[in-house]
Amino acid sequence: MAGTANMKTKVDPRFTEEYGRIPVLSPKILTSEQLRAANPDFVVSAFSELYTPDRAGTREELEALGVRTFVSEVGCEGHGGSPFERLFRDFETLGAVLREPDRTRELVSDQRAVVEQVQAAALGRRGGLRVAWVYSVFKGVPFVAGRNGLPSDMSRLAGVVNVFDDIDKQWPEVSWETFAERAPDVIVVGDLSERGNPGDSADEKLTMMREHPALSTLDAIRSDRIIRVPGIEMDPSVRSVNALRTFSEELERFAPRG
C-alpha cells in the first residue's frame, strides 16, 4: 500500500498496529503531486469531490496515467439499493480488487447481521419517533443528515424518521431556527473532536444548542434525549455499522415499546 492521507481521526483500535505501518502521504487532503510521487496502482476515495484538479486530480487524468480509481457507491447518484447495500457492494468490489474474497464475505456477513439485528429491534419499537442528526457546525451553522446519506438509512432501519429526510442531499446546511421548527424527539450528535476545528466536538455542539434561544426550549434538549456517535462513523466506511448499532441501542432509552 503506497500510503494514506487526510488523517483527522484516530484509527479503530483493532487496526491501529497494521495501519501504523502505512505511510501518511499528507496529514491533509492529498494533492496530485503528492499522489503521483507515491506512484500508486490504485486510488480509493469515499468521496467523488476529492477527485478534482486542485486535489488528487480528476479520475480521467489518473486513468490516463494508468492509475485505476475508485469512489464509494454510497455517495453516487443513480446507484440502486439502500446506502448500506451500496456500502456492502463497495466492500465486495474492493475485496475483488485486492483478491480477498473470503475476508470480504466474512466482513459483509458480519455487518449484515448487525443490520438485521437493528431491523428486528425496530419491529418492537413504537413508530413515529423523529430524529435529527447533527454532523458538524461551521461558523455557527449546522450541517445535518439529509435524505441521501447513511444516517437517513440508519433511521429507516431503526424504525424512526429523519426530520430532514425531505432534503435531497447528504449533508445539507440549515439554520438553527429551521432545526428548532422540526422539533426532533431525539438528537444524534457526531463527535469530530479529533479533527480539531471550532465546533467539531459533541460538547461544543451541545453547548451551542443549549444556549440557543430557539433550541434550548426543545424537549429533546431539556430532557437530554441525546445520542453521541463518532462523526467519522456517520460517513460511509467499514466503521459505519458501529454507529448504526450504537444508535439502535441508545434508542431503547427513548423509544417506547409496543
C-alpha atoms as a PDB file:
ATOM      1  CA  MET A   1       0.000   0.000   0.000  1.00  0.00           C
ATOM      2  CA  ALA A   2       1.565   3.273  -1.120  1.00  0.00           C
ATOM      3  CA  GLY A   3       0.011   5.334   1.657  1.00  0.00           C
ATOM      4  CA  THR A   4      -2.943   7.188   3.099  1.00  0.00           C
ATOM      5  CA  ALA A   5      -3.820  10.833   3.674  1.00  0.00           C
ATOM      6  CA  ASN A   6      -6.109  13.287   5.464  1.00  0.00           C
ATOM      7  CA  MET A   7      -5.693  11.601   8.838  1.00  0.00           C
ATOM      8  CA  LYS A   8      -8.080  13.604  11.022  1.00  0.00           C
ATOM      9  CA  THR A   9      -9.328  10.945  13.411  1.00  0.00           C
ATOM     10  CA  LYS A  10      -7.878   8.021  15.289  1.00  0.00           C
ATOM     11  CA  VAL A  11      -7.869   4.616  13.644  1.00  0.00           C
ATOM     12  CA  ASP A  12     -10.134   1.913  15.046  1.00  0.00           C
ATOM     13  CA  PRO A  13      -8.093   0.218  17.834  1.00  0.00           C
ATOM     14  CA  ARG A  14      -8.490  -3.153  16.097  1.00  0.00           C
ATOM     15  CA  PHE A  15      -6.449  -1.890  13.155  1.00  0.00           C
ATOM     16  CA  THR A  16      -4.020   0.526  14.835  1.00  0.00           C
ATOM     17  CA  GLU A  17      -0.958  -1.716  14.619  1.00  0.00           C
ATOM     18  CA  GLU A  18      -1.396  -2.602  10.943  1.00  0.00           C
ATOM     19  CA  TYR A  19      -2.403   0.941   9.982  1.00  0.00           C
ATOM     20  CA  GLY A  20       0.685   2.295  11.733  1.00  0.00           C
ATOM     21  CA  ARG A  21       2.842   0.656   9.066  1.00  0.00           C
ATOM     22  CA  ILE A  22       1.155   2.606   6.252  1.00  0.00           C
ATOM     23  CA  PRO A  23       2.921   5.838   5.199  1.00  0.00           C
ATOM     24  CA  VAL A  24       0.934   9.047   5.672  1.00  0.00           C
ATOM     25  CA  LEU A  25       1.380  10.899   2.390  1.00  0.00           C
ATOM     26  CA  SER A  26      -0.297  14.048   3.702  1.00  0.00           C
ATOM     27  CA  PRO A  27      -1.964  14.952   7.019  1.00  0.00           C
ATOM     28  CA  LYS A  28      -4.437  16.983   4.958  1.00  0.00           C
ATOM     29  CA  ILE A  29      -6.225  16.376   1.663  1.00  0.00           C
ATOM     30  CA  LEU A  30      -3.825  14.837  -0.844  1.00  0.00           C
ATOM     31  CA  THR A  31      -2.604  16.874  -3.809  1.00  0.00           C
ATOM     32  CA  SER A  32      -1.984  15.401  -7.243  1.00  0.00           C
ATOM     33  CA  GLU A  33       1.776  15.997  -6.842  1.00  0.00           C
ATOM     34  CA  GLN A  34       1.873  14.035  -3.580  1.00  0.00           C
ATOM     35  CA  LEU A  35      -0.230  11.254  -5.033  1.00  0.00           C
ATOM     36  CA  ARG A  36       1.914  10.876  -8.166  1.00  0.00           C
ATOM     37  CA  ALA A  37       5.111  10.894  -6.096  1.00  0.00           C
ATOM     38  CA  ALA A  38       3.793   7.830  -4.249  1.00  0.00           C
ATOM     39  CA  ASN A  39       3.353   6.009  -7.590  1.00  0.00           C
ATOM     40  CA  PRO A  40       0.197   4.057  -6.645  1.00  0.00           C
ATOM     41  CA  ASP A  41      -1.516   1.445  -8.828  1.00  0.00           C
ATOM     42  CA  PHE A  42      -4.971   2.143  -7.402  1.00  0.00           C
ATOM     43  CA  VAL A  43      -6.560   5.144  -5.667  1.00  0.00           C
ATOM     44  CA  VAL A  44      -9.530   4.810  -3.306  1.00  0.00           C
ATOM     45  CA  SER A  45     -11.763   7.616  -2.021  1.00  0.00           C
ATOM     46  CA  ALA A  46     -15.111   7.630  -0.265  1.00  0.00           C
ATOM     47  CA  PHE A  47     -15.962  10.982  -1.853  1.00  0.00           C
ATOM     48  CA  SER A  48     -16.011  11.959  -5.533  1.00  0.00           C
ATOM     49  CA  GLU A  49     -15.219  15.595  -4.658  1.00  0.00           C
ATOM     50  CA  LEU A  50     -11.653  14.593  -3.791  1.00  0.00           C
ATOM     51  CA  TYR A  51     -11.038  13.832  -7.493  1.00  0.00           C
ATOM     52  CA  THR A  52     -10.623  17.417  -8.684  1.00  0.00           C
ATOM     53  CA  PRO A  53      -7.709  19.220 -10.427  1.00  0.00           C
ATOM     54  CA  ASP A  54      -6.785  21.095  -7.236  1.00  0.00           C
ATOM     55  CA  ARG A  55      -6.879  17.943  -5.101  1.00  0.00           C
ATOM     56  CA  ALA A  56      -5.870  14.415  -6.131  1.00  0.00           C
ATOM     57  CA  GLY A  57      -6.560  15.112  -9.802  1.00  0.00           C
ATOM     58  CA  THR A  58      -9.538  14.061 -11.872  1.00  0.00           C
ATOM     59  CA  ARG A  59     -10.299  10.402 -12.377  1.00  0.00           C
ATOM     60  CA  GLU A  60      -9.762  10.881 -16.106  1.00  0.00           C
ATOM     61  CA  GLU A  61      -6.297  12.325 -15.512  1.00  0.00           C
ATOM     62  CA  LEU A  62      -5.327   9.450 -13.250  1.00  0.00           C
ATOM     63  CA  GLU A  63      -6.750   6.795 -15.565  1.00  0.00           C
ATOM     64  CA  ALA A  64      -4.750   8.323 -18.436  1.00  0.00           C
ATOM     65  CA  LEU A  65      -1.617   7.751 -16.327  1.00  0.00           C
ATOM     66  CA  GLY A  66      -2.574   4.099 -15.854  1.00  0.00           C
ATOM     67  CA  VAL A  67      -3.813   4.591 -12.272  1.00  0.00           C
ATOM     68  CA  ARG A  68      -7.158   2.943 -11.576  1.00  0.00           C
ATOM     69  CA  THR A  69      -9.549   4.867  -9.325  1.00  0.00           C
ATOM     70  CA  PHE A  70     -12.422   4.008  -7.025  1.00  0.00           C
ATOM     71  CA  VAL A  71     -15.115   6.071  -5.310  1.00  0.00           C
ATOM     72  CA  SER A  72     -17.729   4.780  -2.896  1.00  0.00           C
ATOM     73  CA  GLU A  73     -21.129   3.937  -4.354  1.00  0.00           C
ATOM     74  CA  VAL A  74     -22.796   5.437  -1.280  1.00  0.00           C
ATOM     75  CA  GLY A  75     -22.376   8.996  -2.495  1.00  0.00           C
ATOM     76  CA  CYS A  76     -23.103   8.261  -6.151  1.00  0.00           C
ATOM     77  CA  GLU A  77     -26.457   9.288  -7.559  1.00  0.00           C
ATOM     78  CA  GLY A  78     -28.351   6.702  -9.572  1.00  0.00           C
ATOM     79  CA  HIS A  79     -26.850   3.634  -7.919  1.00  0.00           C
ATOM     80  CA  GLY A  80     -29.552   1.231  -6.778  1.00  0.00           C
ATOM     81  CA  GLY A  81     -30.184  -0.070  -3.297  1.00  0.00           C
ATOM     82  CA  SER A  82     -30.059   1.459   0.144  1.00  0.00           C
ATOM     83  CA  PRO A  83     -26.880   3.230   1.310  1.00  0.00           C
ATOM     84  CA  PHE A  84     -25.852   0.214   3.401  1.00  0.00           C
ATOM     85  CA  GLU A  85     -26.402  -2.124   0.454  1.00  0.00           C
ATOM     86  CA  ARG A  86     -24.227   0.155  -1.671  1.00  0.00           C
ATOM     87  CA  LEU A  87     -21.589   0.183   1.073  1.00  0.00           C
ATOM     88  CA  PHE A  88     -21.553  -3.608   1.101  1.00  0.00           C
ATOM     89  CA  ARG A  89     -21.077  -3.566  -2.687  1.00  0.00           C
ATOM     90  CA  ASP A  90     -18.069  -1.290  -2.098  1.00  0.00           C
ATOM     91  CA  PHE A  91     -16.569  -3.932   0.177  1.00  0.00           C
ATOM     92  CA  GLU A  92     -17.180  -6.644  -2.410  1.00  0.00           C
ATOM     93  CA  THR A  93     -15.610  -4.558  -5.188  1.00  0.00           C
ATOM     94  CA  LEU A  94     -12.548  -3.735  -3.112  1.00  0.00           C
ATOM     95  CA  GLY A  95     -12.295  -7.359  -1.993  1.00  0.00           C
ATOM     96  CA  ALA A  96     -12.196  -8.465  -5.617  1.00  0.00           C
ATOM     97  CA  VAL A  97      -9.542  -5.867  -6.488  1.00  0.00           C
ATOM     98  CA  LEU A  98      -7.413  -6.878  -3.513  1.00  0.00           C
ATOM     99  CA  ARG A  99      -8.036 -10.598  -4.142  1.00  0.00           C
ATOM    100  CA  GLU A 100      -9.502 -11.153  -0.673  1.00  0.00           C
ATOM    101  CA  PRO A 101     -12.948 -12.659  -1.447  1.00  0.00           C
ATOM    102  CA  ASP A 102     -13.140 -14.818   1.684  1.00  0.00           C
ATOM    103  CA  ARG A 103     -12.366 -11.978   4.086  1.00  0.00           C
ATOM    104  CA  THR A 104     -14.805  -9.765   2.213  1.00  0.00           C
ATOM    105  CA  ARG A 105     -17.615 -12.306   2.502  1.00  0.00           C
ATOM    106  CA  GLU A 106     -16.959 -12.598   6.239  1.00  0.00           C
ATOM    107  CA  LEU A 107     -16.994  -8.807   6.674  1.00  0.00           C
ATOM    108  CA  VAL A 108     -20.224  -8.343   4.724  1.00  0.00           C
ATOM    109  CA  SER A 109     -21.864 -11.256   6.548  1.00  0.00           C
ATOM    110  CA  ASP A 110     -20.946  -9.829   9.966  1.00  0.00           C
ATOM    111  CA  GLN A 111     -22.208  -6.351   9.067  1.00  0.00           C
ATOM    112  CA  ARG A 112     -25.430  -7.653   7.507  1.00  0.00           C
ATOM    113  CA  ALA A 113     -26.079  -9.442  10.794  1.00  0.00           C
ATOM    114  CA  VAL A 114     -25.928  -6.092  12.635  1.00  0.00           C
ATOM    115  CA  VAL A 115     -28.350  -4.539  10.126  1.00  0.00           C
ATOM    116  CA  GLU A 116     -30.750  -7.445  10.653  1.00  0.00           C
ATOM    117  CA  GLN A 117     -30.492  -7.109  14.443  1.00  0.00           C
ATOM    118  CA  VAL A 118     -31.351  -3.412  14.208  1.00  0.00           C
ATOM    119  CA  GLN A 119     -34.325  -4.177  11.957  1.00  0.00           C
ATOM    120  CA  ALA A 120     -35.531  -6.831  14.397  1.00  0.00           C
ATOM    121  CA  ALA A 121     -35.285  -4.391  17.305  1.00  0.00           C
ATOM    122  CA  ALA A 122     -37.292  -1.841  15.305  1.00  0.00           C
ATOM    123  CA  LEU A 123     -40.229  -4.255  14.979  1.00  0.00           C
ATOM    124  CA  GLY A 124     -40.971  -3.997  18.681  1.00  0.00           C
ATOM    125  CA  ARG A 125     -40.488  -0.235  18.849  1.00  0.00           C
ATOM    126  CA  ARG A 126     -43.464   2.090  18.556  1.00  0.00           C
ATOM    127  CA  GLY A 127     -43.160   4.115  15.349  1.00  0.00           C
ATOM    128  CA  GLY A 128     -43.249   7.840  14.830  1.00  0.00           C
ATOM    129  CA  LEU A 129     -40.126   8.857  16.721  1.00  0.00           C
ATOM    130  CA  ARG A 130     -38.462  11.788  14.927  1.00  0.00           C
ATOM    131  CA  VAL A 131     -34.677  12.134  14.892  1.00  0.00           C
ATOM    132  CA  ALA A 132     -32.197  14.814  13.768  1.00  0.00           C
ATOM    133  CA  TRP A 133     -28.546  14.046  13.027  1.00  0.00           C
ATOM    134  CA  VAL A 134     -26.001  16.864  13.543  1.00  0.00           C
ATOM    135  CA  TYR A 135     -22.724  16.156  11.762  1.00  0.00           C
ATOM    136  CA  SER A 136     -20.726  19.383  12.021  1.00  0.00           C
ATOM    137  CA  VAL A 137     -21.082  23.075  12.757  1.00  0.00           C
ATOM    138  CA  PHE A 138     -19.189  25.621  10.631  1.00  0.00           C
ATOM    139  CA  LYS A 139     -19.170  29.261  11.712  1.00  0.00           C
ATOM    140  CA  GLY A 140     -22.165  28.571  13.928  1.00  0.00           C
ATOM    141  CA  VAL A 141     -24.248  26.911  11.182  1.00  0.00           C
ATOM    142  CA  PRO A 142     -25.151  23.212  11.487  1.00  0.00           C
ATOM    143  CA  PHE A 143     -24.805  20.570   8.787  1.00  0.00           C
ATOM    144  CA  VAL A 144     -27.373  17.813   9.276  1.00  0.00           C
ATOM    145  CA  ALA A 145     -28.164  14.455   7.696  1.00  0.00           C
ATOM    146  CA  GLY A 146     -30.396  14.754   4.641  1.00  0.00           C
ATOM    147  CA  ARG A 147     -32.093  12.034   2.626  1.00  0.00           C
ATOM    148  CA  ASN A 148     -29.101  10.659   0.732  1.00  0.00           C
ATOM    149  CA  GLY A 149     -26.635   9.761   3.466  1.00  0.00           C
ATOM    150  CA  LEU A 150     -26.139   6.780   5.722  1.00  0.00           C
ATOM    151  CA  PRO A 151     -27.834   8.354   8.789  1.00  0.00           C
ATOM    152  CA  SER A 152     -31.161   8.526   6.957  1.00  0.00           C
ATOM    153  CA  ASP A 153     -30.772   4.839   6.150  1.00  0.00           C
ATOM    154  CA  MET A 154     -29.892   4.158   9.795  1.00  0.00           C
ATOM    155  CA  SER A 155     -33.104   5.935  10.802  1.00  0.00           C
ATOM    156  CA  ARG A 156     -35.212   3.800   8.458  1.00  0.00           C
ATOM    157  CA  LEU A 157     -33.556   0.595   9.629  1.00  0.00           C
ATOM    158  CA  ALA A 158     -34.207   1.541  13.270  1.00  0.00           C
ATOM    159  CA  GLY A 159     -37.856   2.356  12.569  1.00  0.00           C
ATOM    160  CA  VAL A 160     -37.654   6.114  13.181  1.00  0.00           C
ATOM    161  CA  VAL A 161     -37.907   9.214  10.976  1.00  0.00           C
ATOM    162  CA  ASN A 162     -35.096  11.570   9.986  1.00  0.00           C
ATOM    163  CA  VAL A 163     -36.683  15.033  10.280  1.00  0.00           C
ATOM    164  CA  PHE A 164     -34.581  16.298   7.348  1.00  0.00           C
ATOM    165  CA  ASP A 165     -35.364  13.368   5.075  1.00  0.00           C
ATOM    166  CA  ASP A 166     -37.140  15.766   2.706  1.00  0.00           C
ATOM    167  CA  ILE A 167     -33.836  17.415   1.722  1.00  0.00           C
ATOM    168  CA  ASP A 168     -32.270  15.682  -1.274  1.00  0.00           C
ATOM    169  CA  LYS A 169     -28.658  15.963  -0.082  1.00  0.00           C
ATOM    170  CA  GLN A 170     -26.279  14.037   2.133  1.00  0.00           C
ATOM    171  CA  TRP A 171     -25.267  16.847   4.489  1.00  0.00           C
ATOM    172  CA  PRO A 172     -27.392  19.972   3.919  1.00  0.00           C
ATOM    173  CA  GLU A 173     -26.691  23.223   5.724  1.00  0.00           C
ATOM    174  CA  VAL A 174     -29.681  24.506   7.709  1.00  0.00           C
ATOM    175  CA  SER A 175     -30.299  27.253  10.231  1.00  0.00           C
ATOM    176  CA  TRP A 176     -30.742  26.566  13.932  1.00  0.00           C
ATOM    177  CA  GLU A 177     -34.195  28.148  13.633  1.00  0.00           C
ATOM    178  CA  THR A 178     -35.178  25.606  10.966  1.00  0.00           C
ATOM    179  CA  PHE A 179     -33.757  22.864  13.159  1.00  0.00           C
ATOM    180  CA  ALA A 180     -35.919  24.041  16.064  1.00  0.00           C
ATOM    181  CA  GLU A 181     -39.021  24.159  13.856  1.00  0.00           C
ATOM    182  CA  ARG A 182     -38.562  20.471  13.004  1.00  0.00           C
ATOM    183  CA  ALA A 183     -38.669  19.700  16.760  1.00  0.00           C
ATOM    184  CA  PRO A 184     -36.930  16.304  16.758  1.00  0.00           C
ATOM    185  CA  ASP A 185     -37.685  13.910  19.613  1.00  0.00           C
ATOM    186  CA  VAL A 186     -34.071  12.705  19.682  1.00  0.00           C
ATOM    187  CA  ILE A 187     -30.882  14.419  18.516  1.00  0.00           C
ATOM    188  CA  VAL A 188     -27.844  12.448  17.337  1.00  0.00           C
ATOM    189  CA  VAL A 189     -24.607  14.431  17.618  1.00  0.00           C
ATOM    190  CA  GLY A 190     -21.448  13.475  15.756  1.00  0.00           C
ATOM    191  CA  ASP A 191     -18.218  13.925  17.687  1.00  0.00           C
ATOM    192  CA  LEU A 192     -15.405  15.159  15.432  1.00  0.00           C
ATOM    193  CA  SER A 193     -13.223  16.476  18.238  1.00  0.00           C
ATOM    194  CA  GLU A 194     -10.105  14.773  16.835  1.00  0.00           C
ATOM    195  CA  ARG A 195     -10.407  16.934  13.706  1.00  0.00           C
ATOM    196  CA  GLY A 196      -9.798  19.968  15.865  1.00  0.00           C
ATOM    197  CA  ASN A 197     -11.895  22.645  14.151  1.00  0.00           C
ATOM    198  CA  PRO A 198     -14.100  25.032  16.179  1.00  0.00           C
ATOM    199  CA  GLY A 199     -17.474  23.410  16.785  1.00  0.00           C
ATOM    200  CA  ASP A 200     -16.269  19.889  15.963  1.00  0.00           C
ATOM    201  CA  SER A 201     -16.670  18.242  19.356  1.00  0.00           C
ATOM    202  CA  ALA A 202     -20.010  16.903  20.538  1.00  0.00           C
ATOM    203  CA  ASP A 203     -19.705  19.027  23.691  1.00  0.00           C
ATOM    204  CA  GLU A 204     -19.318  22.231  21.650  1.00  0.00           C
ATOM    205  CA  LYS A 205     -22.337  21.414  19.510  1.00  0.00           C
ATOM    206  CA  LEU A 206     -24.459  20.654  22.553  1.00  0.00           C
ATOM    207  CA  THR A 207     -23.358  23.868  24.268  1.00  0.00           C
ATOM    208  CA  MET A 208     -24.460  25.836  21.187  1.00  0.00           C
ATOM    209  CA  MET A 209     -27.839  24.111  21.192  1.00  0.00           C
ATOM    210  CA  ARG A 210     -28.427  24.585  24.910  1.00  0.00           C
ATOM    211  CA  GLU A 211     -27.561  28.266  24.671  1.00  0.00           C
ATOM    212  CA  HIS A 212     -29.579  28.971  21.538  1.00  0.00           C
ATOM    213  CA  PRO A 213     -32.921  30.659  22.384  1.00  0.00           C
ATOM    214  CA  ALA A 214     -34.962  28.554  19.959  1.00  0.00           C
ATOM    215  CA  LEU A 215     -33.272  25.202  20.632  1.00  0.00           C
ATOM    216  CA  SER A 216     -32.973  25.450  24.401  1.00  0.00           C
ATOM    217  CA  THR A 217     -36.747  25.001  24.747  1.00  0.00           C
ATOM    218  CA  LEU A 218     -36.892  21.770  22.696  1.00  0.00           C
ATOM    219  CA  ASP A 219     -37.977  18.721  24.679  1.00  0.00           C
ATOM    220  CA  ALA A 220     -35.045  16.740  23.240  1.00  0.00           C
ATOM    221  CA  ILE A 221     -32.608  19.277  24.729  1.00  0.00           C
ATOM    222  CA  ARG A 222     -34.415  19.800  28.044  1.00  0.00           C
ATOM    223  CA  SER A 223     -34.870  16.050  28.567  1.00  0.00           C
ATOM    224  CA  ASP A 224     -31.340  15.225  27.328  1.00  0.00           C
ATOM    225  CA  ARG A 225     -32.580  12.887  24.609  1.00  0.00           C
ATOM    226  CA  ILE A 226     -29.146  12.995  23.018  1.00  0.00           C
ATOM    227  CA  ILE A 227     -27.175  10.205  21.345  1.00  0.00           C
ATOM    228  CA  ARG A 228     -23.464  10.689  20.690  1.00  0.00           C
ATOM    229  CA  VAL A 229     -21.601   8.818  17.965  1.00  0.00           C
ATOM    230  CA  PRO A 230     -18.159   9.316  16.413  1.00  0.00           C
ATOM    231  CA  GLY A 231     -18.630  11.662  13.461  1.00  0.00           C
ATOM    232  CA  ILE A 232     -16.435   9.504  11.241  1.00  0.00           C
ATOM    233  CA  GLU A 233     -18.948   6.663  11.627  1.00  0.00           C
ATOM    234  CA  MET A 234     -21.707   8.802  10.105  1.00  0.00           C
ATOM    235  CA  ASP A 235     -19.832   8.731   6.789  1.00  0.00           C
ATOM    236  CA  PRO A 236     -19.552   5.566   4.670  1.00  0.00           C
ATOM    237  CA  SER A 237     -16.785   3.259   5.890  1.00  0.00           C
ATOM    238  CA  VAL A 238     -16.162  -0.088   7.487  1.00  0.00           C
ATOM    239  CA  ARG A 239     -16.987   1.638  10.815  1.00  0.00           C
ATOM    240  CA  SER A 240     -20.461   2.905   9.875  1.00  0.00           C
ATOM    241  CA  VAL A 241     -22.131  -0.190  11.241  1.00  0.00           C
ATOM    242  CA  ASN A 242     -20.800   0.752  14.703  1.00  0.00           C
ATOM    243  CA  ALA A 243     -22.854   3.967  14.633  1.00  0.00           C
ATOM    244  CA  LEU A 244     -25.900   2.000  13.498  1.00  0.00           C
ATOM    245  CA  ARG A 245     -25.539  -0.398  16.422  1.00  0.00           C
ATOM    246  CA  THR A 246     -24.983   2.404  18.950  1.00  0.00           C
ATOM    247  CA  PHE A 247     -27.938   4.359  17.574  1.00  0.00           C
ATOM    248  CA  SER A 248     -30.285   1.383  17.848  1.00  0.00           C
ATOM    249  CA  GLU A 249     -29.154   0.505  21.374  1.00  0.00           C
ATOM    250  CA  GLU A 250     -29.439   4.096  22.589  1.00  0.00           C
ATOM    251  CA  LEU A 251     -32.932   4.446  21.124  1.00  0.00           C
ATOM    252  CA  GLU A 252     -34.109   1.900  23.667  1.00  0.00           C
ATOM    253  CA  ARG A 253     -33.850   4.666  26.275  1.00  0.00           C
ATOM    254  CA  PHE A 254     -36.239   6.922  24.362  1.00  0.00           C
ATOM    255  CA  ALA A 255     -38.491   4.843  22.110  1.00  0.00           C
ATOM    256  CA  PRO A 256     -41.438   3.182  23.837  1.00  0.00           C
ATOM    257  CA  ARG A 257     -42.183  -0.460  23.142  1.00  0.00           C
ATOM    258  CA  GLY A 258     -45.479  -1.794  21.880  1.00  0.00           C
END
